[in-house]
Protein backbone atom coordinates (compact mmCIF):
# COMPACT_ATOMS: atom_id res chain seq x y z
CA LEU A 1 3.67 -22.21 44.45
CA GLY A 2 6.89 -24.13 44.67
CA ILE A 3 8.05 -23.16 41.17
CA LYS A 4 10.35 -20.17 40.98
CA LEU A 5 8.11 -17.61 39.27
CA GLN A 6 10.82 -14.97 39.14
CA ALA A 7 12.89 -17.26 36.92
CA LEU A 8 10.09 -17.52 34.33
CA ASN A 9 9.67 -14.89 31.63
CA ASP A 10 6.15 -13.93 30.48
CA GLU A 11 6.06 -16.51 27.68
CA ASN A 12 7.11 -19.26 30.07
CA LYS A 13 4.28 -18.38 32.45
CA LEU A 14 1.75 -19.86 30.01
CA CYS A 15 0.41 -23.06 31.51
CA VAL A 16 -2.05 -25.95 31.38
CA LEU A 17 -4.26 -26.83 34.34
CA SER A 18 -4.99 -30.56 34.50
CA LEU A 19 -7.55 -32.34 36.62
CA ASP A 20 -7.60 -36.01 37.47
CA GLU A 21 -9.71 -38.06 39.82
CA LYS A 22 -8.69 -41.00 41.97
CA GLN A 23 -11.02 -43.35 43.78
CA LEU A 24 -10.27 -43.70 47.49
CA ARG A 25 -11.10 -46.25 50.12
CA PRO A 26 -13.47 -44.31 52.42
CA TYR A 27 -11.74 -43.73 55.74
CA ILE A 28 -11.87 -41.11 58.48
CA GLU A 29 -8.98 -40.47 60.83
CA TYR A 30 -8.16 -37.81 63.38
CA ASP A 31 -5.04 -35.82 62.43
CA LYS A 32 -3.36 -34.61 65.64
CA SER A 33 -1.22 -32.01 63.86
CA LEU A 34 -4.23 -30.46 62.10
CA LYS A 35 -6.46 -31.06 65.13
CA LYS A 36 -9.33 -32.24 62.97
CA TYR A 37 -10.77 -35.26 61.24
CA VAL A 38 -9.58 -35.96 57.70
CA GLY A 39 -11.30 -38.08 55.09
CA LEU A 40 -14.48 -36.05 54.79
CA VAL A 41 -15.70 -34.34 51.60
CA SER A 42 -13.94 -30.95 51.30
CA ASP A 43 -16.05 -27.95 52.29
CA GLU A 44 -15.97 -26.56 48.71
CA PHE A 45 -17.75 -29.68 47.46
CA ALA A 46 -20.00 -30.58 50.38
CA ASN A 47 -23.67 -30.94 49.41
CA SER A 48 -24.98 -30.33 52.91
CA ASP A 49 -23.90 -29.30 56.39
CA ASP A 50 -23.71 -32.96 57.38
CA PRO A 51 -20.19 -34.40 57.11
CA THR A 52 -19.86 -37.00 54.37
CA VAL A 53 -17.06 -39.52 54.02
CA ALA A 54 -15.05 -38.90 50.84
CA ASN A 55 -14.45 -41.68 48.33
CA HIS A 56 -12.68 -39.70 45.58
CA ALA A 57 -9.86 -37.18 45.38
CA LEU A 58 -9.56 -34.54 42.68
CA VAL A 59 -5.98 -33.50 41.99
CA PHE A 60 -5.10 -30.29 40.13
CA VAL A 61 -1.73 -30.17 38.36
CA LEU A 62 -0.19 -27.14 36.67
CA ARG A 63 2.20 -27.64 33.74
CA GLY A 64 4.28 -25.20 31.74
CA LEU A 65 3.48 -24.84 28.03
CA PRO A 66 6.70 -23.60 26.35
CA VAL A 67 9.02 -24.97 29.04
CA HIS A 68 8.78 -28.17 31.07
CA TRP A 69 7.72 -27.71 34.65
CA LYS A 70 4.96 -29.41 36.58
CA GLN A 71 3.48 -29.02 40.03
CA VAL A 72 0.50 -30.28 42.00
CA ILE A 73 -1.25 -27.13 43.17
CA ALA A 74 -4.41 -28.39 44.85
CA TYR A 75 -6.45 -31.40 45.80
CA VAL A 76 -9.91 -31.82 47.26
CA LEU A 77 -11.86 -34.77 48.58
CA THR A 78 -15.26 -35.51 47.05
CA GLY A 79 -18.04 -38.05 47.05
CA ASN A 80 -19.33 -40.12 44.14
CA SER A 81 -20.37 -37.08 42.13
CA THR A 82 -19.38 -33.45 42.03
CA ASN A 83 -21.66 -30.51 41.42
CA PRO A 84 -20.44 -29.07 38.09
CA HIS A 85 -21.05 -25.47 39.22
CA LYS A 86 -18.96 -26.02 42.37
CA LEU A 87 -16.22 -27.59 40.25
CA TRP A 88 -16.20 -24.61 37.89
CA ASN A 89 -16.15 -22.19 40.85
CA PHE A 90 -13.14 -24.05 42.23
CA PHE A 91 -11.39 -23.79 38.83
CA THR A 92 -12.23 -20.09 38.70
CA ASN A 93 -10.68 -19.55 42.16
CA ILE A 94 -7.55 -21.44 41.09
CA ASN A 95 -7.35 -19.37 37.88
CA GLU A 96 -7.64 -16.12 39.82
CA CYS A 97 -4.90 -17.19 42.24
CA LEU A 98 -2.58 -18.26 39.40
CA TYR A 99 -3.26 -15.04 37.46
CA SER A 100 -2.47 -12.96 40.55
CA HIS A 101 0.95 -14.70 40.56
CA GLY A 102 1.54 -13.91 36.89
CA LEU A 103 0.61 -17.33 35.48
CA LEU A 104 -1.81 -17.52 32.56
CA VAL A 105 -3.83 -20.72 32.14
CA LYS A 106 -4.28 -21.35 28.41
CA CYS A 107 -5.79 -24.82 28.60
CA ILE A 108 -7.76 -27.02 30.97
CA THR A 109 -7.38 -30.74 30.38
CA SER A 110 -9.24 -33.62 31.97
CA ASP A 111 -10.75 -36.97 31.19
CA MET A 112 -14.29 -37.08 29.85
CA GLY A 113 -15.91 -38.39 33.02
CA ALA A 114 -19.37 -37.22 33.97
CA ASN A 115 -18.09 -34.67 36.53
CA ASN A 116 -15.73 -33.00 34.04
CA VAL A 117 -18.19 -33.04 31.15
CA GLY A 118 -20.74 -31.50 33.54
CA MET A 119 -18.28 -28.68 34.28
CA TRP A 120 -17.71 -28.21 30.53
CA GLY A 121 -21.48 -27.84 30.17
CA VAL A 122 -21.54 -25.04 32.77
CA VAL A 123 -19.30 -22.95 30.50
CA VAL A 124 -20.96 -24.21 27.26
CA VAL A 125 -18.03 -26.29 26.03
CA HIS A 126 -19.29 -29.16 23.91
CA SER A 127 -18.83 -31.22 20.79
CA ILE A 128 -21.83 -32.34 18.81
CA ARG A 129 -22.20 -33.62 15.27
CA ASN A 130 -22.03 -30.25 13.49
CA GLN A 131 -20.61 -27.94 16.14
CA VAL A 132 -17.56 -27.77 18.39
CA SER A 133 -17.18 -25.22 21.16
CA CYS A 134 -13.86 -25.81 22.91
CA LYS A 135 -12.85 -22.42 24.32
CA ILE A 136 -14.09 -19.60 26.51
CA SER A 137 -12.85 -16.15 27.42
CA HIS A 138 -10.33 -16.24 30.24
CA PRO A 139 -12.14 -15.21 33.47
CA CYS A 140 -9.24 -12.92 34.47
CA LYS A 141 -8.15 -11.69 31.04
CA PRO A 142 -11.13 -11.59 28.61
CA ASP A 143 -8.96 -10.91 25.53
CA GLU A 144 -7.32 -14.34 26.07
CA LYS A 145 -8.97 -17.75 25.61
CA ILE A 146 -8.92 -20.88 27.73
CA TYR A 147 -9.16 -24.08 25.69
CA PHE A 148 -10.72 -27.28 27.04
CA VAL A 149 -9.03 -30.50 25.93
CA ALA A 150 -9.80 -34.11 26.76
CA ASP A 151 -6.65 -35.99 27.68
CA VAL A 152 -5.24 -38.14 24.89
CA PRO A 153 -5.45 -41.57 26.60
CA HIS A 154 -9.18 -41.07 27.15
CA ILE A 155 -9.72 -39.85 23.58
CA LEU A 156 -8.03 -43.03 22.29
CA LYS A 157 -10.12 -45.14 24.67
CA ASN A 158 -13.33 -43.48 23.39
CA ILE A 159 -12.32 -44.05 19.76
CA ARG A 160 -11.59 -47.71 20.54
CA ASN A 161 -14.94 -48.12 22.30
CA CYS A 162 -16.72 -46.45 19.39
CA LEU A 163 -15.05 -48.78 16.89
CA LEU A 164 -15.94 -51.83 18.99
CA SER A 165 -19.61 -50.90 18.94
CA GLN A 166 -20.04 -49.39 15.46
CA ASN A 167 -18.34 -48.19 12.29
CA ILE A 168 -17.44 -44.59 11.57
CA ILE A 169 -18.59 -43.21 8.20
CA LEU A 170 -16.33 -40.46 6.86
CA PRO A 171 -17.62 -37.57 4.71
CA ASP A 172 -16.98 -37.90 0.95
CA ASP A 173 -14.67 -34.86 0.85
CA ILE A 174 -12.40 -36.40 3.51
CA VAL A 175 -12.31 -39.71 1.63
CA ALA A 176 -11.46 -37.94 -1.65
CA SER A 177 -8.85 -35.55 -0.23
CA ASN A 178 -7.00 -38.40 1.52
CA GLU A 179 -7.50 -40.88 -1.34
CA PHE A 180 -9.05 -43.47 0.98
CA THR A 181 -10.41 -46.62 -0.64
CA SER A 182 -13.50 -46.60 1.57
CA ASN A 183 -15.57 -44.18 3.61
CA THR A 184 -15.97 -46.70 6.45
CA VAL A 185 -13.65 -46.88 9.44
CA SER A 186 -14.02 -50.22 11.15
CA ILE A 187 -12.32 -52.18 13.91
CA LYS A 188 -11.53 -54.76 11.18
CA HIS A 189 -9.10 -52.22 9.66
CA VAL A 190 -7.33 -51.86 12.99
CA GLN A 191 -7.23 -55.65 13.53
CA SER A 192 -5.70 -56.28 10.11
C-alpha cells in the first residue's frame, strides 16, 4: 500500500472499500515486460480453463473514514458477468490483506448492478419491503461489523427511475410526523 500506515493512528485506519466497474473494449496484447498476454479475464474470475477476452474491469479503491486519503488497491479484468461467490472471495482476500496491515474496513460501497447485488446476496445483505439487512460480521474481527452501502449517485438514479414509473405511497405515521399534505410522492412534485 502506498499510504504511509505508520503515520495513521488506530482511529484513522478505519476505511471504506469501494468497487466500481468500467466497460472495456475487448483487446488482447502481448506485454513484453510481463512476458505474457494481457486483456484476458483475470484468473480469480475465470469461469473455465479456456482464456476469455475481458470486456470489463473491476477497480477496488480504499478510502479513509475519519481522515481523507484514497488509494486504488486492486483491479481485475472480467467478462460480462461475475460469479458472486468469486467476487465475495476476492473481497475477503482483500479484507484479510488490509487487516494484516492494520486497516479495518468498516464499509463496502458499490453501485447496485447485478454483479454487486449478487455478491450482497452471498452474504445475505438485502432490502425488502419490511426488512433491511445491511451489515455482516467482519471476516477478520467478528466483534466489528462491515456495512454495505449503495453509492449515492446510483441511489438517486434509482429514486428518479422509480418516480418516473410510479408514485411512492408514504406510511401515515411518516405523513403525520412530517406534517405532509399528502401521502403520495410523485414526479409531479419534483417537476413543480
